[in-house]
Amino acid sequence: MIKSLKITGVFLLLLCSQQIFSQQKSDDDALKFKSENTHRNLQKKITVFTGNVSLSSKAISFENAEKVIVDEITNEVKIYKPKNFKIIHVDGLMKTGKQPDEDVIVYNTKTKTVSI
């Protein structure tokens, strides 16, 4: 009787310790913007950042972009003429056939892909 109680107690302790000490997966994919001007359209769910826009996230980072448009409906972040653009971790990278004078980079926050 005492032996089965000890075995049950150890089993419960191991079961509970797994839940208590396990690390939770963080889905903190927050985009941290800095800019001189911000304009938000609530109906279209679009935010426009202008003037030395900087962004830092787990996926990409850049500094001193002219303009950034965040579209919450299409989950796209359009980045215009960024400086010091860094790809940290993305699931896909695509090259579009656009003109090189149009310096736009599109980051999709849902699929975690970058189109250059």
N, C-alpha and C. Protein backbone atom coordinates (compact mmCIF):
# COMPACT_ATOMS: atom_id res chain seq x y z
N MET A 1 0.81 -1.19 0.00
CA MET A 1 0.00 0.00 0.00
C MET A 1 0.86 1.26 0.00
N ILE A 2 1.88 1.28 0.87
CA ILE A 2 2.75 2.45 0.95
C ILE A 2 3.58 2.58 -0.33
N LYS A 3 3.99 1.45 -0.87
CA LYS A 3 4.78 1.46 -2.10
C LYS A 3 3.96 2.03 -3.27
N SER A 4 2.72 1.63 -3.41
CA SER A 4 1.88 2.15 -4.50
C SER A 4 1.57 3.63 -4.29
N LEU A 5 1.46 4.06 -3.04
CA LEU A 5 1.24 5.47 -2.75
C LEU A 5 2.47 6.30 -3.14
N LYS A 6 3.67 5.76 -2.88
CA LYS A 6 4.91 6.45 -3.26
C LYS A 6 5.02 6.54 -4.78
N ILE A 7 4.71 5.46 -5.47
CA ILE A 7 4.79 5.44 -6.94
C ILE A 7 3.80 6.44 -7.53
N THR A 8 2.60 6.48 -6.99
CA THR A 8 1.59 7.44 -7.45
C THR A 8 2.04 8.87 -7.18
N GLY A 9 2.62 9.10 -6.01
CA GLY A 9 3.12 10.44 -5.65
C GLY A 9 4.24 10.90 -6.58
N VAL A 10 5.17 10.02 -6.89
CA VAL A 10 6.27 10.35 -7.79
C VAL A 10 5.74 10.61 -9.20
N PHE A 11 4.79 9.80 -9.64
CA PHE A 11 4.19 10.00 -10.96
C PHE A 11 3.50 11.37 -11.05
N LEU A 12 2.72 11.72 -10.04
CA LEU A 12 2.04 13.01 -10.02
C LEU A 12 3.05 14.17 -9.96
N LEU A 13 4.12 13.99 -9.21
CA LEU A 13 5.16 15.02 -9.12
C LEU A 13 5.82 15.24 -10.49
N LEU A 14 6.14 14.16 -11.19
CA LEU A 14 6.74 14.27 -12.52
C LEU A 14 5.77 14.90 -13.51
N LEU A 15 4.51 14.54 -13.42
CA LEU A 15 3.49 15.09 -14.31
C LEU A 15 3.30 16.59 -14.07
N CYS A 16 3.24 16.99 -12.83
CA CYS A 16 3.05 18.41 -12.51
C CYS A 16 4.30 19.23 -12.81
N SER A 17 5.48 18.68 -12.56
CA SER A 17 6.71 19.44 -12.80
C SER A 17 6.90 19.71 -14.28
N GLN A 18 6.43 18.83 -15.14
CA GLN A 18 6.51 19.05 -16.59
C GLN A 18 5.72 20.30 -16.97
N GLN A 19 4.55 20.47 -16.39
CA GLN A 19 3.71 21.62 -16.70
C GLN A 19 4.24 22.90 -16.06
N ILE A 20 4.80 22.79 -14.88
CA ILE A 20 5.26 23.98 -14.16
C ILE A 20 6.55 24.53 -14.76
N PHE A 21 7.50 23.68 -15.08
CA PHE A 21 8.81 24.14 -15.51
C PHE A 21 8.99 24.21 -17.02
N SER A 22 8.00 23.85 -17.79
CA SER A 22 8.15 23.92 -19.24
C SER A 22 8.06 25.37 -19.69
N GLN A 23 8.83 25.70 -20.73
CA GLN A 23 8.81 27.05 -21.28
C GLN A 23 7.71 27.15 -22.32
N GLN A 24 6.97 28.22 -22.26
CA GLN A 24 5.92 28.42 -23.22
C GLN A 24 6.50 29.05 -24.47
N LYS A 25 5.97 28.63 -25.60
CA LYS A 25 6.42 29.17 -26.88
C LYS A 25 5.87 30.59 -27.02
N SER A 26 6.76 31.50 -27.29
CA SER A 26 6.35 32.90 -27.41
C SER A 26 6.08 33.22 -28.88
N ASP A 27 4.87 33.69 -29.16
CA ASP A 27 4.52 34.13 -30.50
C ASP A 27 4.56 35.64 -30.58
N ASP A 28 5.58 36.21 -29.97
CA ASP A 28 5.70 37.67 -29.93
C ASP A 28 6.34 38.14 -31.23
N ASP A 29 5.51 38.24 -32.27
CA ASP A 29 5.98 38.73 -33.56
C ASP A 29 5.66 40.20 -33.72
N ALA A 30 5.81 40.93 -32.65
CA ALA A 30 5.47 42.35 -32.67
C ALA A 30 6.45 43.12 -33.55
N LEU A 31 5.90 44.04 -34.32
CA LEU A 31 6.70 44.93 -35.14
C LEU A 31 6.85 46.24 -34.38
N LYS A 32 8.07 46.66 -34.11
CA LYS A 32 8.33 47.88 -33.34
C LYS A 32 8.80 48.97 -34.29
N PHE A 33 7.95 49.95 -34.50
CA PHE A 33 8.22 51.03 -35.44
C PHE A 33 8.66 52.29 -34.70
N LYS A 34 9.50 53.09 -35.38
CA LYS A 34 9.84 54.44 -34.96
C LYS A 34 9.76 55.30 -36.21
N SER A 35 9.07 56.44 -36.12
CA SER A 35 8.97 57.33 -37.27
C SER A 35 8.67 58.74 -36.80
N GLU A 36 8.83 59.69 -37.74
CA GLU A 36 8.53 61.09 -37.44
C GLU A 36 7.03 61.35 -37.51
N ASN A 37 6.33 60.74 -38.48
CA ASN A 37 4.89 60.95 -38.67
C ASN A 37 4.18 59.62 -38.83
N THR A 38 2.95 59.56 -38.32
CA THR A 38 2.13 58.36 -38.44
C THR A 38 0.71 58.78 -38.79
N HIS A 39 0.12 58.06 -39.75
CA HIS A 39 -1.28 58.30 -40.12
C HIS A 39 -1.99 56.96 -40.17
N ARG A 40 -3.13 56.87 -39.47
CA ARG A 40 -3.87 55.60 -39.38
C ARG A 40 -5.27 55.78 -39.95
N ASN A 41 -5.65 54.89 -40.88
CA ASN A 41 -7.00 54.87 -41.43
C ASN A 41 -7.71 53.66 -40.84
N LEU A 42 -8.66 53.90 -39.95
CA LEU A 42 -9.33 52.81 -39.24
C LEU A 42 -10.28 52.02 -40.14
N GLN A 43 -10.90 52.68 -41.12
CA GLN A 43 -11.83 51.96 -42.00
C GLN A 43 -11.09 50.99 -42.92
N LYS A 44 -9.99 51.45 -43.51
CA LYS A 44 -9.21 50.59 -44.42
C LYS A 44 -8.19 49.73 -43.69
N LYS A 45 -8.01 49.96 -42.40
CA LYS A 45 -7.02 49.25 -41.57
C LYS A 45 -5.62 49.36 -42.16
N ILE A 46 -5.23 50.59 -42.47
CA ILE A 46 -3.91 50.87 -43.03
C ILE A 46 -3.23 51.92 -42.14
N THR A 47 -1.96 51.70 -41.85
CA THR A 47 -1.15 52.66 -41.12
C THR A 47 0.02 53.06 -42.01
N VAL A 48 0.26 54.36 -42.12
CA VAL A 48 1.36 54.89 -42.94
C VAL A 48 2.34 55.60 -42.02
N PHE A 49 3.59 55.13 -42.03
CA PHE A 49 4.67 55.77 -41.29
C PHE A 49 5.54 56.51 -42.28
N THR A 50 5.89 57.77 -41.99
CA THR A 50 6.76 58.54 -42.89
C THR A 50 7.85 59.23 -42.08
N GLY A 51 8.96 59.49 -42.75
CA GLY A 51 10.06 60.23 -42.14
C GLY A 51 10.95 59.41 -41.25
N ASN A 52 12.07 58.94 -41.78
CA ASN A 52 13.07 58.17 -41.03
C ASN A 52 12.45 57.02 -40.24
N VAL A 53 11.78 56.16 -40.95
CA VAL A 53 11.09 55.03 -40.32
C VAL A 53 12.09 53.92 -40.03
N SER A 54 12.03 53.40 -38.81
CA SER A 54 12.85 52.26 -38.42
C SER A 54 11.94 51.17 -37.90
N LEU A 55 12.34 49.93 -38.12
CA LEU A 55 11.56 48.79 -37.67
C LEU A 55 12.50 47.75 -37.09
N SER A 56 12.06 47.13 -36.00
CA SER A 56 12.80 45.98 -35.48
C SER A 56 11.79 44.91 -35.11
N SER A 57 12.08 43.69 -35.52
CA SER A 57 11.25 42.54 -35.20
C SER A 57 12.12 41.30 -35.20
N LYS A 58 11.51 40.15 -34.96
CA LYS A 58 12.26 38.90 -34.98
C LYS A 58 12.61 38.47 -36.40
N ALA A 59 11.90 39.00 -37.40
CA ALA A 59 12.11 38.56 -38.78
C ALA A 59 12.99 39.52 -39.58
N ILE A 60 12.72 40.82 -39.51
CA ILE A 60 13.46 41.81 -40.30
C ILE A 60 13.74 43.04 -39.46
N SER A 61 14.70 43.83 -39.93
CA SER A 61 14.95 45.13 -39.32
C SER A 61 15.54 46.06 -40.37
N PHE A 62 15.30 47.35 -40.21
CA PHE A 62 15.87 48.36 -41.10
C PHE A 62 15.82 49.71 -40.42
N GLU A 63 16.49 50.67 -41.04
CA GLU A 63 16.54 52.04 -40.51
C GLU A 63 16.31 53.03 -41.64
N ASN A 64 15.85 54.21 -41.30
CA ASN A 64 15.76 55.37 -42.18
C ASN A 64 15.05 55.12 -43.50
N ALA A 65 13.93 54.43 -43.47
CA ALA A 65 13.13 54.27 -44.68
C ALA A 65 12.32 55.55 -44.91
N GLU A 66 12.03 55.84 -46.18
CA GLU A 66 11.23 57.03 -46.48
C GLU A 66 9.80 56.86 -45.99
N LYS A 67 9.21 55.69 -46.28
CA LYS A 67 7.80 55.46 -45.96
C LYS A 67 7.57 53.97 -45.76
N VAL A 68 6.67 53.64 -44.84
CA VAL A 68 6.26 52.25 -44.61
C VAL A 68 4.74 52.24 -44.51
N ILE A 69 4.12 51.32 -45.26
CA ILE A 69 2.67 51.16 -45.23
C ILE A 69 2.35 49.78 -44.67
N VAL A 70 1.59 49.75 -43.59
CA VAL A 70 1.18 48.49 -42.96
C VAL A 70 -0.29 48.29 -43.25
N ASP A 71 -0.60 47.21 -43.98
CA ASP A 71 -1.98 46.87 -44.34
C ASP A 71 -2.38 45.65 -43.53
N GLU A 72 -3.30 45.84 -42.59
CA GLU A 72 -3.71 44.74 -41.71
C GLU A 72 -4.63 43.74 -42.40
N ILE A 73 -5.29 44.14 -43.48
CA ILE A 73 -6.19 43.23 -44.20
C ILE A 73 -5.38 42.22 -45.00
N THR A 74 -4.38 42.69 -45.75
CA THR A 74 -3.55 41.79 -46.56
C THR A 74 -2.32 41.28 -45.81
N ASN A 75 -2.13 41.74 -44.59
CA ASN A 75 -0.97 41.36 -43.76
C ASN A 75 0.36 41.71 -44.43
N GLU A 76 0.42 42.84 -45.11
CA GLU A 76 1.63 43.25 -45.80
C GLU A 76 2.22 44.52 -45.19
N VAL A 77 3.54 44.54 -45.15
CA VAL A 77 4.28 45.73 -44.75
C VAL A 77 5.10 46.14 -45.97
N LYS A 78 4.77 47.29 -46.57
CA LYS A 78 5.50 47.78 -47.75
C LYS A 78 6.51 48.81 -47.27
N ILE A 79 7.78 48.56 -47.60
CA ILE A 79 8.88 49.37 -47.12
C ILE A 79 9.50 50.08 -48.32
N TYR A 80 9.53 51.42 -48.28
CA TYR A 80 10.04 52.21 -49.38
C TYR A 80 11.42 52.79 -49.04
N LYS A 81 12.41 52.42 -49.83
CA LYS A 81 13.79 52.91 -49.75
C LYS A 81 14.39 52.81 -48.34
N PRO A 82 14.50 51.58 -47.82
CA PRO A 82 15.11 51.43 -46.49
C PRO A 82 16.64 51.44 -46.59
N LYS A 83 17.25 51.78 -45.49
CA LYS A 83 18.71 51.71 -45.37
C LYS A 83 19.03 50.66 -44.31
N ASN A 84 20.10 49.95 -44.53
CA ASN A 84 20.56 48.93 -43.58
C ASN A 84 19.48 47.87 -43.33
N PHE A 85 18.91 47.35 -44.42
CA PHE A 85 17.86 46.33 -44.33
C PHE A 85 18.49 44.99 -44.00
N LYS A 86 17.96 44.33 -42.96
CA LYS A 86 18.50 43.03 -42.54
C LYS A 86 17.36 42.02 -42.44
N ILE A 87 17.60 40.86 -43.02
CA ILE A 87 16.67 39.74 -42.88
C ILE A 87 17.24 38.83 -41.79
N ILE A 88 16.50 38.69 -40.70
CA ILE A 88 16.96 37.89 -39.58
C ILE A 88 16.47 36.45 -39.73
N HIS A 89 15.16 36.27 -39.92
CA HIS A 89 14.61 34.93 -40.11
C HIS A 89 13.25 35.05 -40.80
N VAL A 90 13.16 34.52 -42.00
CA VAL A 90 11.90 34.48 -42.74
C VAL A 90 11.72 33.08 -43.31
N ASP A 91 10.48 32.76 -43.69
CA ASP A 91 10.18 31.46 -44.26
C ASP A 91 10.37 31.42 -45.77
N GLY A 92 10.38 32.58 -46.41
CA GLY A 92 10.54 32.60 -47.86
C GLY A 92 11.06 33.95 -48.34
N LEU A 93 11.79 33.91 -49.45
CA LEU A 93 12.34 35.11 -50.07
C LEU A 93 12.06 35.04 -51.55
N MET A 94 11.38 36.08 -52.10
CA MET A 94 11.01 36.10 -53.50
C MET A 94 11.56 37.36 -54.16
N LYS A 95 11.97 37.21 -55.41
CA LYS A 95 12.42 38.36 -56.18
C LYS A 95 11.36 38.66 -57.23
N THR A 96 10.87 39.90 -57.21
CA THR A 96 9.86 40.30 -58.19
C THR A 96 10.56 40.89 -59.41
N GLY A 97 9.86 40.98 -60.51
CA GLY A 97 10.44 41.49 -61.74
C GLY A 97 10.24 42.99 -61.93
N LYS A 98 10.14 43.74 -60.84
CA LYS A 98 9.90 45.17 -60.94
C LYS A 98 11.17 45.92 -61.28
N GLN A 99 10.99 47.19 -61.66
CA GLN A 99 12.11 48.06 -62.02
C GLN A 99 12.99 48.31 -60.80
N PRO A 100 14.31 48.38 -60.99
CA PRO A 100 15.19 48.60 -59.84
C PRO A 100 15.08 50.00 -59.25
N ASP A 101 14.54 50.99 -60.02
CA ASP A 101 14.42 52.33 -59.47
C ASP A 101 13.28 52.41 -58.45
N GLU A 102 12.35 51.46 -58.46
CA GLU A 102 11.28 51.41 -57.48
C GLU A 102 11.75 50.52 -56.33
N ASP A 103 12.33 51.14 -55.33
CA ASP A 103 12.96 50.42 -54.23
C ASP A 103 11.92 50.11 -53.15
N VAL A 104 11.12 49.06 -53.39
CA VAL A 104 10.07 48.66 -52.46
C VAL A 104 10.30 47.21 -52.04
N ILE A 105 10.23 46.99 -50.75
CA ILE A 105 10.34 45.64 -50.19
C ILE A 105 9.02 45.35 -49.50
N VAL A 106 8.45 44.17 -49.75
CA VAL A 106 7.17 43.79 -49.15
C VAL A 106 7.40 42.60 -48.23
N TYR A 107 6.99 42.78 -46.97
CA TYR A 107 7.08 41.70 -45.98
C TYR A 107 5.66 41.29 -45.61
N ASN A 108 5.35 40.00 -45.77
CA ASN A 108 4.03 39.48 -45.40
C ASN A 108 4.13 38.91 -44.00
N THR A 109 3.37 39.48 -43.07
CA THR A 109 3.46 39.06 -41.67
C THR A 109 2.79 37.72 -41.40
N LYS A 110 1.86 37.31 -42.28
CA LYS A 110 1.18 36.03 -42.06
C LYS A 110 2.02 34.86 -42.57
N THR A 111 2.54 34.97 -43.80
CA THR A 111 3.32 33.88 -44.40
C THR A 111 4.81 34.00 -44.08
N LYS A 112 5.22 35.11 -43.48
CA LYS A 112 6.63 35.36 -43.11
C LYS A 112 7.55 35.29 -44.33
N THR A 113 7.11 35.96 -45.43
CA THR A 113 7.91 36.00 -46.65
C THR A 113 8.28 37.43 -46.98
N VAL A 114 9.40 37.60 -47.67
CA VAL A 114 9.88 38.90 -48.10
C VAL A 114 9.96 38.89 -49.62
N SER A 115 9.39 39.92 -50.26
CA SER A 115 9.48 40.09 -51.72
C SER A 115 10.32 41.31 -52.00
N ILE A 116 11.38 41.11 -52.77
CA ILE A 116 12.30 42.20 -53.11
C ILE A 116 12.18 42.51 -54.58
